[in-house]
N, C-alpha and C. Protein backbone atom coordinates (compact mmCIF):
# COMPACT_ATOMS: atom_id res chain seq x y z
N MET A 1 -27.95 42.40 -55.93
CA MET A 1 -28.48 43.53 -56.45
C MET A 1 -29.44 43.53 -57.37
N LYS A 2 -29.35 42.53 -58.25
CA LYS A 2 -30.41 42.34 -59.26
C LYS A 2 -31.85 42.06 -58.62
N ALA A 3 -31.77 41.35 -57.45
CA ALA A 3 -32.94 40.91 -56.68
C ALA A 3 -33.56 42.20 -56.11
N LEU A 4 -32.65 43.14 -55.88
CA LEU A 4 -33.24 44.35 -55.15
C LEU A 4 -33.68 45.33 -56.25
N ARG A 5 -33.20 45.32 -57.52
CA ARG A 5 -33.69 46.31 -58.52
C ARG A 5 -34.91 45.73 -59.04
N LEU A 6 -35.06 44.31 -58.87
CA LEU A 6 -36.40 43.68 -59.21
C LEU A 6 -37.44 44.08 -58.40
N ILE A 7 -37.12 43.85 -57.08
CA ILE A 7 -38.12 44.47 -55.87
C ILE A 7 -38.63 45.60 -56.22
N ARG A 8 -37.77 46.56 -56.32
CA ARG A 8 -38.01 48.08 -56.51
C ARG A 8 -38.98 48.28 -57.84
N SER A 9 -38.62 47.38 -58.86
CA SER A 9 -39.48 47.66 -60.05
C SER A 9 -40.99 47.27 -59.95
N ILE A 10 -41.04 46.06 -59.16
CA ILE A 10 -42.29 45.37 -58.78
C ILE A 10 -42.87 46.38 -58.00
N PHE A 11 -42.37 46.96 -57.15
CA PHE A 11 -42.94 47.98 -56.12
C PHE A 11 -43.61 49.33 -56.68
N ARG A 12 -42.79 49.65 -57.74
CA ARG A 12 -43.22 50.90 -58.58
C ARG A 12 -44.33 50.48 -59.56
N ALA A 13 -44.48 49.29 -59.94
CA ALA A 13 -45.45 48.84 -60.87
C ALA A 13 -46.73 48.81 -60.03
N LEU A 14 -46.49 48.40 -58.81
CA LEU A 14 -47.77 48.13 -58.01
C LEU A 14 -48.27 49.48 -57.61
N LEU A 15 -47.22 50.24 -57.20
CA LEU A 15 -47.60 51.72 -56.85
C LEU A 15 -48.40 52.56 -57.89
N ALA A 16 -47.90 52.23 -59.30
CA ALA A 16 -48.61 52.82 -60.20
C ALA A 16 -50.15 52.36 -60.41
N LEU A 17 -50.08 51.05 -60.18
CA LEU A 17 -51.35 50.38 -60.53
C LEU A 17 -52.40 50.99 -59.30
N GLY A 18 -51.89 51.11 -58.26
CA GLY A 18 -52.77 51.60 -57.15
C GLY A 18 -53.21 52.92 -57.33
N VAL A 19 -52.65 53.73 -57.96
CA VAL A 19 -52.90 55.01 -58.44
C VAL A 19 -53.87 55.08 -59.41
N ILE A 20 -53.77 54.13 -60.42
CA ILE A 20 -54.81 54.06 -61.42
C ILE A 20 -56.08 53.57 -60.99
N LEU A 21 -55.77 52.59 -60.13
CA LEU A 21 -57.22 51.90 -59.48
C LEU A 21 -58.09 53.08 -58.68
N THR A 22 -57.08 53.77 -57.99
CA THR A 22 -57.72 54.70 -57.01
C THR A 22 -58.52 55.76 -57.99
N ALA A 23 -57.80 56.20 -58.97
CA ALA A 23 -58.45 57.04 -59.71
C ALA A 23 -59.59 56.77 -60.58
N VAL A 24 -59.72 55.53 -61.07
CA VAL A 24 -60.77 54.86 -61.59
C VAL A 24 -61.94 54.84 -60.56
N SER A 25 -61.63 54.17 -59.33
CA SER A 25 -62.74 54.08 -58.37
C SER A 25 -63.38 55.48 -57.94
N SER A 26 -62.50 56.48 -57.98
CA SER A 26 -62.93 57.77 -57.56
C SER A 26 -63.96 58.53 -58.57
N TYR A 27 -63.93 57.89 -59.72
CA TYR A 27 -64.63 58.25 -60.80
C TYR A 27 -66.23 58.32 -60.65
N ALA A 28 -66.63 57.37 -59.63
CA ALA A 28 -68.07 57.21 -59.24
C ALA A 28 -68.55 58.53 -58.96
N GLN A 29 -67.82 59.33 -58.20
CA GLN A 29 -68.15 60.62 -57.54
C GLN A 29 -68.52 61.61 -58.72
N ASN A 30 -67.84 61.40 -59.99
CA ASN A 30 -68.11 62.12 -61.09
C ASN A 30 -69.47 62.00 -61.90
N ILE A 31 -70.07 60.79 -61.54
CA ILE A 31 -71.33 60.46 -62.14
C ILE A 31 -72.29 60.07 -61.04
N PRO A 32 -72.78 61.10 -60.33
CA PRO A 32 -73.69 61.16 -59.26
C PRO A 32 -74.70 60.00 -59.34
N GLY A 33 -74.80 59.12 -58.51
CA GLY A 33 -75.72 58.09 -58.49
C GLY A 33 -75.43 56.74 -59.11
N TYR A 34 -74.16 56.89 -59.90
CA TYR A 34 -73.82 55.66 -60.70
C TYR A 34 -72.80 54.87 -60.02
N PRO A 35 -72.62 53.68 -60.24
CA PRO A 35 -71.55 52.78 -59.75
C PRO A 35 -70.16 53.12 -60.37
N ALA A 36 -69.05 52.73 -59.98
CA ALA A 36 -68.03 53.06 -60.53
C ALA A 36 -67.68 52.22 -61.69
N SER A 37 -68.17 51.05 -61.85
CA SER A 37 -67.86 50.24 -63.14
C SER A 37 -69.14 49.73 -63.65
N VAL A 38 -69.05 49.44 -64.95
CA VAL A 38 -70.33 48.95 -65.62
C VAL A 38 -70.48 47.53 -65.21
N ALA A 39 -69.73 46.76 -64.65
CA ALA A 39 -69.62 45.54 -64.24
C ALA A 39 -70.56 45.39 -62.89
N ALA A 40 -71.13 46.55 -62.46
CA ALA A 40 -72.17 46.52 -61.35
C ALA A 40 -73.55 46.34 -62.07
N TYR A 41 -73.42 46.36 -63.37
CA TYR A 41 -74.92 45.98 -64.04
C TYR A 41 -75.99 47.01 -63.46
N ASP A 42 -75.95 48.11 -63.42
CA ASP A 42 -76.97 49.13 -62.93
C ASP A 42 -78.14 48.96 -64.10
N PRO A 43 -79.35 48.88 -63.32
CA PRO A 43 -80.41 48.48 -64.21
C PRO A 43 -80.66 49.66 -65.16
N ARG A 44 -80.37 50.82 -64.79
CA ARG A 44 -80.64 51.95 -65.64
C ARG A 44 -79.75 51.77 -66.97
N GLU A 45 -78.55 51.34 -66.86
CA GLU A 45 -77.79 51.22 -67.98
C GLU A 45 -78.15 49.75 -68.70
N VAL A 46 -78.42 48.71 -68.05
CA VAL A 46 -78.87 47.58 -68.69
C VAL A 46 -79.99 47.70 -69.52
N ALA A 47 -80.92 48.54 -69.12
CA ALA A 47 -82.21 48.70 -69.84
C ALA A 47 -81.95 49.42 -71.26
N LEU A 48 -80.73 50.01 -71.36
CA LEU A 48 -80.71 50.47 -72.64
C LEU A 48 -79.83 49.62 -73.67
N LEU A 49 -79.59 48.63 -72.99
CA LEU A 49 -78.91 47.38 -74.05
C LEU A 49 -79.89 46.93 -74.97
N PRO A 50 -79.31 46.08 -76.06
CA PRO A 50 -80.00 45.25 -77.01
C PRO A 50 -80.79 44.03 -76.01
N ARG A 51 -81.80 43.57 -76.56
CA ARG A 51 -82.63 42.54 -75.88
C ARG A 51 -81.82 41.40 -75.45
N TYR A 52 -80.82 41.01 -76.31
CA TYR A 52 -79.98 39.81 -75.97
C TYR A 52 -79.08 39.85 -75.02
N CYS A 53 -78.57 41.12 -74.43
CA CYS A 53 -77.59 41.45 -73.51
C CYS A 53 -77.58 40.73 -72.28
N PRO A 54 -78.78 40.77 -71.57
CA PRO A 54 -79.01 40.03 -70.35
C PRO A 54 -78.81 38.45 -70.39
N TYR A 55 -78.53 37.88 -71.76
CA TYR A 55 -78.54 36.48 -71.74
C TYR A 55 -77.09 36.14 -72.18
N THR A 56 -76.31 36.98 -72.27
CA THR A 56 -74.73 36.71 -72.56
C THR A 56 -74.11 36.36 -71.17
N GLN A 57 -72.79 35.80 -71.58
CA GLN A 57 -71.88 35.48 -70.36
C GLN A 57 -71.68 36.65 -69.32
N LEU A 58 -71.68 36.43 -68.15
CA LEU A 58 -71.48 37.37 -66.95
C LEU A 58 -72.87 38.23 -66.67
N PHE A 59 -73.57 38.69 -67.81
CA PHE A 59 -74.89 39.39 -67.55
C PHE A 59 -75.86 38.55 -66.97
N ARG A 60 -75.90 37.12 -67.61
CA ARG A 60 -76.94 36.34 -67.08
C ARG A 60 -76.62 35.77 -65.62
N ASP A 61 -75.41 36.13 -65.12
CA ASP A 61 -75.23 35.84 -63.62
C ASP A 61 -75.64 36.98 -62.91
N HIS A 62 -75.88 37.94 -63.33
CA HIS A 62 -76.16 39.31 -62.43
C HIS A 62 -77.46 39.96 -62.91
N VAL A 63 -77.86 39.76 -63.88
CA VAL A 63 -79.21 40.41 -64.36
C VAL A 63 -80.28 39.38 -64.14
N PRO A 64 -81.30 39.75 -63.22
CA PRO A 64 -82.61 38.68 -63.05
C PRO A 64 -83.06 38.22 -64.46
N ALA A 65 -83.31 39.19 -65.41
CA ALA A 65 -83.84 38.68 -66.52
C ALA A 65 -83.13 37.70 -67.34
N GLY A 66 -81.74 37.45 -67.17
CA GLY A 66 -80.87 36.51 -67.79
C GLY A 66 -81.00 35.16 -67.32
N LYS A 67 -81.44 34.92 -66.29
CA LYS A 67 -81.78 33.58 -65.71
C LYS A 67 -82.65 32.68 -66.15
N ASN A 68 -82.54 32.58 -67.64
CA ASN A 68 -83.66 31.88 -68.39
C ASN A 68 -82.75 31.02 -69.27
N PRO A 69 -82.56 29.84 -69.03
CA PRO A 69 -81.66 28.84 -69.90
C PRO A 69 -82.26 28.65 -71.47
N ASP A 70 -83.64 28.80 -71.35
CA ASP A 70 -84.28 28.65 -72.79
C ASP A 70 -83.80 29.78 -73.68
N GLU A 71 -83.98 30.99 -73.12
CA GLU A 71 -83.54 32.28 -73.76
C GLU A 71 -81.93 32.21 -74.07
N VAL A 72 -81.12 31.83 -73.23
CA VAL A 72 -79.87 31.73 -73.62
C VAL A 72 -79.60 30.80 -74.81
N GLN A 73 -80.22 29.57 -74.84
CA GLN A 73 -80.09 28.78 -76.02
C GLN A 73 -80.62 29.35 -77.12
N ARG A 74 -81.73 30.11 -77.22
CA ARG A 74 -82.29 30.63 -78.23
C ARG A 74 -81.39 31.61 -78.76
N TRP A 75 -80.55 32.40 -78.16
CA TRP A 75 -79.71 33.33 -78.71
C TRP A 75 -78.47 32.71 -79.37
N TYR A 76 -78.17 31.62 -78.73
CA TYR A 76 -77.02 30.96 -79.28
C TYR A 76 -77.52 30.44 -80.64
N SER A 77 -78.65 29.90 -80.76
CA SER A 77 -78.98 29.27 -82.04
C SER A 77 -79.25 30.51 -83.07
N ILE A 78 -79.63 31.62 -82.62
CA ILE A 78 -79.78 32.85 -83.64
C ILE A 78 -78.28 33.43 -83.84
N LEU A 79 -77.61 33.68 -82.88
CA LEU A 79 -76.14 34.15 -83.14
C LEU A 79 -75.03 33.39 -83.31
N GLY A 80 -75.07 32.14 -82.95
CA GLY A 80 -73.95 31.25 -83.15
C GLY A 80 -73.08 31.22 -82.12
N GLU A 81 -71.79 30.67 -82.38
CA GLU A 81 -70.97 30.66 -81.23
C GLU A 81 -70.54 31.93 -80.78
N THR A 82 -70.36 32.93 -81.98
CA THR A 82 -69.75 34.29 -81.42
C THR A 82 -70.65 34.97 -80.26
N PHE A 83 -71.99 34.38 -80.12
CA PHE A 83 -72.79 34.89 -78.93
C PHE A 83 -71.87 34.68 -77.59
N HIS A 84 -70.95 33.85 -77.63
CA HIS A 84 -70.23 33.45 -76.46
C HIS A 84 -69.44 34.71 -76.05
N ALA A 85 -68.96 35.55 -76.89
CA ALA A 85 -68.07 36.73 -76.68
C ALA A 85 -68.93 38.01 -76.65
N MET A 86 -70.22 37.96 -76.75
CA MET A 86 -70.96 39.28 -77.05
C MET A 86 -71.37 39.95 -75.80
N HIS A 87 -71.08 39.45 -74.50
CA HIS A 87 -70.98 40.19 -73.48
C HIS A 87 -69.95 41.34 -73.35
N HIS A 88 -68.70 41.25 -74.16
CA HIS A 88 -67.96 42.45 -74.41
C HIS A 88 -68.67 43.44 -75.21
N TYR A 89 -69.40 43.22 -76.24
CA TYR A 89 -70.07 44.01 -76.89
C TYR A 89 -71.02 44.94 -76.01
N CYS A 90 -71.80 44.27 -75.24
CA CYS A 90 -72.68 44.84 -74.38
C CYS A 90 -72.01 45.78 -73.52
N PHE A 91 -70.72 45.37 -72.77
CA PHE A 91 -70.02 46.28 -71.97
C PHE A 91 -69.50 47.53 -72.74
N GLY A 92 -69.10 47.22 -74.07
CA GLY A 92 -68.84 48.37 -74.91
C GLY A 92 -69.83 49.47 -74.97
N LEU A 93 -71.15 49.06 -75.21
CA LEU A 93 -72.27 49.91 -75.47
C LEU A 93 -72.47 50.74 -74.17
N MET A 94 -72.31 50.02 -72.89
CA MET A 94 -72.54 50.76 -71.71
C MET A 94 -71.37 51.74 -71.50
N LYS A 95 -70.19 51.17 -71.81
CA LYS A 95 -68.90 52.16 -71.72
C LYS A 95 -69.18 53.41 -72.65
N THR A 96 -69.65 53.12 -73.85
CA THR A 96 -70.04 54.15 -74.83
C THR A 96 -70.86 55.32 -74.48
N TYR A 97 -72.01 54.64 -73.76
CA TYR A 97 -73.09 55.50 -73.30
C TYR A 97 -72.50 56.46 -71.93
N ARG A 98 -71.60 55.81 -71.27
CA ARG A 98 -71.05 56.52 -70.18
C ARG A 98 -70.16 57.75 -70.94
N GLY A 99 -69.48 57.43 -71.92
CA GLY A 99 -68.40 58.46 -72.53
C GLY A 99 -69.21 59.46 -73.21
N VAL A 100 -70.31 59.04 -73.83
CA VAL A 100 -71.10 60.33 -74.66
C VAL A 100 -72.13 61.01 -73.81
N ILE A 101 -72.67 60.38 -72.65
CA ILE A 101 -73.72 60.97 -71.87
C ILE A 101 -73.34 61.35 -70.51
N LEU A 102 -72.72 60.44 -69.94
CA LEU A 102 -72.71 60.71 -68.48
C LEU A 102 -71.36 61.39 -68.02
N ALA A 103 -70.23 61.06 -68.71
CA ALA A 103 -68.79 61.55 -68.26
C ALA A 103 -68.83 63.01 -68.37
N ARG A 104 -68.52 63.72 -67.18
CA ARG A 104 -68.46 65.21 -67.30
C ARG A 104 -67.27 65.69 -67.55
N GLU A 105 -66.28 64.95 -67.36
CA GLU A 105 -64.82 65.58 -67.73
C GLU A 105 -64.09 64.93 -69.00
N GLU A 106 -63.47 65.64 -69.66
CA GLU A 106 -62.80 65.22 -71.11
C GLU A 106 -61.99 63.85 -70.82
N GLN A 107 -61.16 63.90 -69.83
CA GLN A 107 -60.41 62.71 -69.62
C GLN A 107 -60.93 61.39 -69.49
N TRP A 108 -62.33 61.44 -68.66
CA TRP A 108 -62.98 60.48 -68.58
C TRP A 108 -63.80 59.84 -69.54
N ARG A 109 -64.39 61.00 -70.37
CA ARG A 109 -65.04 60.70 -71.58
C ARG A 109 -64.18 59.80 -72.51
N ARG A 110 -63.00 60.16 -72.68
CA ARG A 110 -62.07 59.47 -73.61
C ARG A 110 -61.67 58.23 -72.99
N PHE A 111 -61.65 58.18 -71.85
CA PHE A 111 -61.21 57.01 -71.09
C PHE A 111 -62.23 55.71 -71.36
N TYR A 112 -63.68 56.20 -71.44
CA TYR A 112 -64.65 55.26 -71.54
C TYR A 112 -64.84 54.84 -73.12
N LEU A 113 -64.58 56.02 -73.98
CA LEU A 113 -64.61 55.53 -75.35
C LEU A 113 -63.40 54.68 -75.84
N ARG A 114 -62.39 55.05 -75.24
CA ARG A 114 -61.20 53.97 -75.62
C ARG A 114 -61.42 52.71 -75.18
N ASP A 115 -61.88 52.65 -73.82
CA ASP A 115 -62.32 51.19 -73.25
C ASP A 115 -63.28 50.38 -73.87
N ALA A 116 -64.42 51.22 -74.57
CA ALA A 116 -65.30 50.55 -75.30
C ALA A 116 -64.89 50.02 -76.50
N ILE A 117 -63.83 50.63 -77.22
CA ILE A 117 -63.32 50.17 -78.55
C ILE A 117 -62.59 48.92 -78.08
N GLU A 118 -61.83 48.79 -77.02
CA GLU A 118 -61.16 47.35 -76.60
C GLU A 118 -62.28 46.38 -76.58
N GLU A 119 -63.50 46.66 -76.01
CA GLU A 119 -64.55 45.57 -75.96
C GLU A 119 -65.16 45.21 -77.41
N PHE A 120 -65.24 46.23 -78.17
CA PHE A 120 -65.56 45.77 -79.45
C PHE A 120 -64.50 44.91 -80.18
N ASP A 121 -63.33 45.37 -80.06
CA ASP A 121 -62.28 44.67 -80.73
C ASP A 121 -62.25 43.07 -80.17
N TYR A 122 -62.48 42.88 -79.07
CA TYR A 122 -62.79 41.68 -78.65
C TYR A 122 -63.69 40.80 -79.52
N VAL A 123 -64.64 41.13 -79.55
CA VAL A 123 -65.71 40.58 -80.54
C VAL A 123 -65.26 40.47 -82.01
N ILE A 124 -64.82 41.67 -82.57
CA ILE A 124 -64.55 41.62 -84.01
C ILE A 124 -63.31 40.69 -84.11
N ASP A 125 -62.35 40.57 -83.40
CA ASP A 125 -61.09 39.62 -83.53
C ASP A 125 -61.83 38.21 -83.58
N ARG A 126 -62.88 37.87 -83.10
CA ARG A 126 -63.41 36.50 -82.92
C ARG A 126 -64.67 36.28 -83.67
N ALA A 127 -65.19 37.13 -84.27
CA ALA A 127 -66.32 36.94 -85.04
C ALA A 127 -65.98 36.49 -86.69
N PRO A 128 -66.65 35.58 -87.24
CA PRO A 128 -66.39 35.26 -88.65
C PRO A 128 -67.04 36.43 -89.47
N PRO A 129 -66.56 36.58 -90.81
CA PRO A 129 -66.85 37.60 -91.65
C PRO A 129 -68.37 37.79 -91.85
N ASP A 130 -69.04 36.57 -91.73
CA ASP A 130 -70.69 36.49 -91.98
C ASP A 130 -71.32 36.72 -90.72
N PHE A 131 -70.87 37.17 -89.56
CA PHE A 131 -71.52 37.17 -88.35
C PHE A 131 -72.34 38.34 -88.51
N VAL A 132 -73.76 38.19 -88.36
CA VAL A 132 -74.87 39.15 -88.53
C VAL A 132 -74.40 40.40 -87.92
N LEU A 133 -74.01 40.56 -86.83
CA LEU A 133 -73.82 41.88 -86.03
C LEU A 133 -72.46 42.41 -86.26
N LEU A 134 -71.69 41.88 -87.09
CA LEU A 134 -70.18 42.20 -87.29
C LEU A 134 -70.33 43.85 -87.97
N PRO A 135 -71.28 44.18 -89.01
CA PRO A 135 -71.24 45.48 -89.37
C PRO A 135 -71.74 46.50 -88.45
N GLU A 136 -72.72 46.11 -87.55
CA GLU A 136 -73.13 46.94 -86.44
C GLU A 136 -72.13 47.35 -85.27
N ILE A 137 -71.00 46.14 -85.25
CA ILE A 137 -70.12 46.37 -84.21
C ILE A 137 -68.80 47.37 -84.63
N LEU A 138 -68.68 47.06 -85.96
CA LEU A 138 -67.60 47.84 -86.91
C LEU A 138 -68.14 49.43 -86.73
N MET A 139 -69.38 49.50 -86.95
CA MET A 139 -69.84 50.95 -87.09
C MET A 139 -69.80 51.62 -85.78
N LYS A 140 -70.10 50.99 -84.67
CA LYS A 140 -69.84 51.49 -83.36
C LYS A 140 -68.45 51.86 -83.06
N LYS A 141 -67.55 51.12 -83.42
CA LYS A 141 -66.17 51.31 -83.11
C LYS A 141 -65.75 52.41 -83.98
N GLY A 142 -66.07 52.40 -85.30
CA GLY A 142 -65.70 53.72 -86.20
C GLY A 142 -66.33 55.02 -85.63
N GLU A 143 -67.64 54.99 -85.15
CA GLU A 143 -68.16 56.03 -84.37
C GLU A 143 -67.41 56.72 -83.36
N ASN A 144 -66.94 55.64 -82.24
CA ASN A 144 -66.16 56.18 -81.27
C ASN A 144 -64.67 56.72 -81.62
N LEU A 145 -64.04 56.08 -82.69
CA LEU A 145 -63.03 56.62 -83.24
C LEU A 145 -63.08 58.04 -83.77
N ILE A 146 -64.02 58.40 -84.31
CA ILE A 146 -64.41 59.69 -84.76
C ILE A 146 -64.65 60.72 -83.50
N ARG A 147 -65.31 60.15 -82.59
CA ARG A 147 -65.44 60.93 -81.40
C ARG A 147 -64.24 61.28 -80.72
N LEU A 148 -63.03 60.26 -80.96
CA LEU A 148 -61.96 60.47 -80.28
C LEU A 148 -61.11 61.33 -81.00
N GLY A 149 -61.51 61.87 -82.22
CA GLY A 149 -60.66 62.45 -83.01
C GLY A 149 -59.75 61.91 -84.00
N GLN A 150 -59.96 60.64 -84.25
CA GLN A 150 -59.43 59.58 -85.29
C GLN A 150 -60.24 59.44 -86.30
N GLY A 151 -60.51 60.35 -87.30
CA GLY A 151 -61.35 60.37 -88.22
C GLY A 151 -61.14 59.37 -89.34
N GLY A 152 -59.73 59.31 -89.55
CA GLY A 152 -59.36 58.36 -90.69
C GLY A 152 -59.58 57.04 -90.36
N SER A 153 -59.19 56.57 -89.12
CA SER A 153 -59.47 55.31 -88.50
C SER A 153 -60.85 54.81 -88.30
N GLY A 154 -61.56 55.92 -87.92
CA GLY A 154 -63.06 55.67 -87.88
C GLY A 154 -63.82 55.55 -89.29
N LEU A 155 -63.38 56.09 -90.34
CA LEU A 155 -63.88 55.87 -91.71
C LEU A 155 -63.49 54.55 -92.19
N THR A 156 -62.46 54.09 -91.61
CA THR A 156 -61.98 52.81 -92.20
C THR A 156 -62.84 51.72 -91.80
N GLN A 157 -63.34 51.84 -90.42
CA GLN A 157 -64.20 50.80 -89.94
C GLN A 157 -65.65 50.94 -90.49
N LEU A 158 -66.00 52.23 -90.79
CA LEU A 158 -67.38 52.46 -91.41
C LEU A 158 -67.25 51.69 -92.73
N LEU A 159 -66.25 51.93 -93.55
CA LEU A 159 -66.23 51.37 -94.95
C LEU A 159 -66.17 49.78 -94.62
N ARG A 160 -65.64 49.33 -93.63
CA ARG A 160 -65.69 47.83 -93.56
C ARG A 160 -67.05 47.35 -93.22
N ALA A 161 -67.67 48.03 -92.51
CA ALA A 161 -68.89 47.66 -92.45
C ALA A 161 -69.85 47.56 -93.50
N ILE A 162 -69.78 48.84 -94.33
CA ILE A 162 -70.55 48.90 -95.70
C ILE A 162 -70.22 47.81 -96.57
N GLN A 163 -68.82 47.55 -96.61
CA GLN A 163 -68.50 46.45 -97.44
C GLN A 163 -69.21 45.17 -97.05
N LEU A 164 -69.21 44.90 -95.78
CA LEU A 164 -69.81 43.51 -95.52
C LEU A 164 -71.26 43.58 -95.66
N LYS A 165 -71.89 44.72 -95.30
CA LYS A 165 -73.59 44.76 -95.68
C LYS A 165 -73.99 46.13 -96.21
N PRO A 166 -73.86 46.26 -97.47
CA PRO A 166 -74.13 47.45 -98.23
C PRO A 166 -75.28 47.93 -98.01
N GLY A 167 -76.30 47.32 -97.60
CA GLY A 167 -77.90 47.81 -97.35
C GLY A 167 -78.06 48.24 -95.97
N TYR A 168 -76.98 48.21 -94.91
CA TYR A 168 -77.11 48.51 -93.69
C TYR A 168 -76.72 50.21 -93.52
N TRP A 169 -77.82 50.84 -93.40
CA TRP A 169 -77.68 52.52 -93.49
C TRP A 169 -76.77 53.08 -92.50
N PRO A 170 -76.84 52.74 -91.07
CA PRO A 170 -76.30 53.60 -89.89
C PRO A 170 -74.88 54.00 -90.55
N PRO A 171 -73.97 53.04 -91.03
CA PRO A 171 -72.52 53.56 -91.30
C PRO A 171 -72.45 54.95 -92.31
N TYR A 172 -73.45 54.90 -93.28
CA TYR A 172 -73.69 56.04 -94.12
C TYR A 172 -73.84 57.18 -93.32
N ALA A 173 -74.83 57.21 -92.46
CA ALA A 173 -75.32 58.24 -91.75
C ALA A 173 -74.18 58.76 -90.98
N VAL A 174 -73.22 57.93 -90.29
CA VAL A 174 -72.16 58.49 -89.23
C VAL A 174 -71.21 59.06 -90.27
N MET A 175 -70.89 58.57 -91.45
CA MET A 175 -69.94 59.08 -92.17
C MET A 175 -70.56 60.25 -93.00
N SER A 176 -71.39 60.36 -93.27
CA SER A 176 -71.95 61.57 -93.78
C SER A 176 -72.05 62.79 -92.84
N ASP A 177 -72.22 62.33 -91.57
CA ASP A 177 -72.05 63.44 -90.52
C ASP A 177 -70.77 63.89 -90.34
N TYR A 178 -69.80 62.91 -90.39
CA TYR A 178 -68.48 63.31 -90.17
C TYR A 178 -68.00 64.34 -91.32
N TYR A 179 -68.19 64.04 -92.42
CA TYR A 179 -67.86 65.04 -93.66
C TYR A 179 -68.59 66.37 -93.58
N LYS A 180 -69.74 66.46 -93.10
CA LYS A 180 -70.52 67.62 -92.82
C LYS A 180 -70.07 68.21 -91.82
N ASN A 181 -69.45 67.72 -90.70
CA ASN A 181 -69.02 68.43 -89.59
C ASN A 181 -67.49 68.93 -90.00
N THR A 182 -66.98 68.31 -90.91
CA THR A 182 -65.53 68.73 -91.27
C THR A 182 -65.59 69.55 -92.51
N GLY A 183 -66.89 70.04 -92.87
CA GLY A 183 -66.98 70.96 -93.96
C GLY A 183 -66.90 70.43 -95.40
N ASP A 184 -66.84 69.19 -95.74
CA ASP A 184 -66.88 68.49 -96.98
C ASP A 184 -68.26 68.26 -97.20
N LEU A 185 -69.00 69.11 -97.74
CA LEU A 185 -70.57 68.92 -98.04
C LEU A 185 -70.65 68.02 -99.22
N LYS A 186 -69.76 68.10 -100.07
CA LYS A 186 -69.82 67.47 -101.35
C LYS A 186 -69.61 65.99 -101.07
N LYS A 187 -68.63 65.67 -100.08
CA LYS A 187 -68.34 64.40 -99.95
C LYS A 187 -69.81 63.62 -99.27
N ALA A 188 -70.24 64.55 -98.17
CA ALA A 188 -71.40 64.01 -97.37
C ALA A 188 -72.43 63.88 -98.15
N HIS A 189 -72.76 64.59 -99.23
CA HIS A 189 -73.79 64.41 -100.22
C HIS A 189 -73.50 63.10 -100.95
N GLU A 190 -72.50 62.90 -101.29
CA GLU A 190 -72.07 61.63 -102.22
C GLU A 190 -72.37 60.41 -101.37
N VAL A 191 -72.01 60.41 -100.15
CA VAL A 191 -72.15 59.37 -99.11
C VAL A 191 -73.71 59.03 -99.09
N LEU A 192 -74.35 59.99 -98.77
CA LEU A 192 -75.81 59.80 -98.48
C LEU A 192 -76.51 59.33 -99.78
N GLU A 193 -76.10 59.64 -100.91
CA GLU A 193 -76.63 59.10 -102.04
C GLU A 193 -76.35 57.66 -102.37
N ASN A 194 -75.10 57.41 -101.93
CA ASN A 194 -74.54 56.05 -101.99
C ASN A 194 -75.44 55.22 -101.03
N GLY A 195 -75.68 55.69 -99.84
CA GLY A 195 -76.32 54.98 -99.00
C GLY A 195 -77.94 54.82 -99.27
N LEU A 196 -78.45 55.68 -99.81
CA LEU A 196 -79.82 55.71 -100.39
C LEU A 196 -80.01 54.78 -101.72
N SER A 197 -79.03 54.65 -102.36
CA SER A 197 -78.92 53.71 -103.58
C SER A 197 -79.06 52.18 -103.13
N ALA A 198 -78.29 51.94 -101.86
CA ALA A 198 -78.24 50.56 -101.42
C ALA A 198 -79.34 50.51 -100.42
N SER A 199 -79.90 51.37 -99.68
CA SER A 199 -81.08 51.52 -98.74
C SER A 199 -82.02 52.39 -99.05
N PRO A 200 -82.86 52.29 -100.30
CA PRO A 200 -83.78 53.27 -100.64
C PRO A 200 -84.81 53.86 -99.44
N ASP A 201 -85.26 52.99 -98.67
CA ASP A 201 -86.18 53.35 -97.76
C ASP A 201 -85.63 53.83 -96.26
N ALA A 202 -84.31 54.27 -96.30
CA ALA A 202 -83.85 54.71 -95.14
C ALA A 202 -84.27 55.95 -94.85
N LYS A 203 -84.95 56.25 -93.72
CA LYS A 203 -85.70 57.57 -93.42
C LYS A 203 -84.57 58.52 -92.82
N ALA A 204 -83.53 58.07 -92.16
CA ALA A 204 -82.57 58.82 -91.37
C ALA A 204 -81.66 59.39 -92.59
N LEU A 205 -81.39 58.73 -93.72
CA LEU A 205 -80.56 59.14 -94.82
C LEU A 205 -81.28 60.17 -95.64
N LYS A 206 -82.69 59.88 -95.83
CA LYS A 206 -83.27 60.96 -96.49
C LYS A 206 -83.33 62.39 -95.88
N GLU A 207 -83.61 62.17 -94.56
CA GLU A 207 -83.64 63.68 -93.71
C GLU A 207 -82.48 64.19 -93.71
N ARG A 208 -81.44 63.54 -93.63
CA ARG A 208 -79.90 64.01 -93.77
C ARG A 208 -79.65 64.76 -95.23
N LEU A 209 -80.13 64.07 -96.20
CA LEU A 209 -79.91 64.62 -97.39
C LEU A 209 -80.68 65.97 -97.68
N ALA A 210 -81.98 65.96 -97.10
CA ALA A 210 -82.74 67.21 -97.34
C ALA A 210 -82.25 68.33 -96.42
N ASN A 211 -81.76 67.91 -95.31
CA ASN A 211 -81.05 69.03 -94.56
C ASN A 211 -79.84 69.37 -95.10
N LEU A 212 -79.05 68.63 -95.62
CA LEU A 212 -77.85 68.87 -96.38
C LEU A 212 -78.08 69.96 -97.57
N ASP A 213 -79.08 69.55 -98.39
CA ASP A 213 -79.48 70.35 -99.51
C ASP A 213 -80.01 71.83 -99.15
N ALA A 214 -80.69 71.85 -98.05
CA ALA A 214 -81.03 73.26 -97.56
C ALA A 214 -79.98 73.94 -96.93
N VAL A 215 -78.76 73.31 -96.39
CA VAL A 215 -77.55 74.10 -95.89
C VAL A 215 -76.80 74.53 -97.35
N LYS A 216 -76.83 73.82 -98.22
CA LYS A 216 -76.08 74.13 -99.47
C LYS A 216 -76.94 75.34 -99.99
N LYS A 217 -78.21 75.33 -100.24
CA LYS A 217 -78.96 76.47 -100.63
C LYS A 217 -78.84 77.54 -100.03
């Protein structure tokens, strides 16, 4: 009897998995002209990635530009051992692009944004605090959390990025946009002033501050 129940449980799990896989594979038809998975390494998507992505794990086995051992070693020397995990960040960027630009239905937009966060977390969990790209990855995670309606969690990630690298301006921009969109113009103004205090030459922050001042007037 126990064996029969176990078999039934396994069958139901496999059936559910089949439904999920079918749904995911059918998504290719919702993005005309694009493969179902980012692991197809579509040249149009790869071209949007940072220049080190073709030399990361998995990518260098599928992207022609990545088949250069000297470049692989060069990026290891620049980014250290964490470069070993950076293919997950590259996948996360591709999934973010699909969620923000390509997905036509809300359920799939959210699917890709959540999936991207998992890719970002893989690197975040393995990166040392002084990893040079950690503030950027935290910022991308925070941005996606905000897009998913999780503003509080998103702001936490943005603050982590700022604490690690106060002079890195993008988290200030994302944070100020969030406060502006939620109607808290005072807080948005404060964030921009803090950002310009840490990064005085950030053109994007100056433009946001000027626009905010115009809205307030």
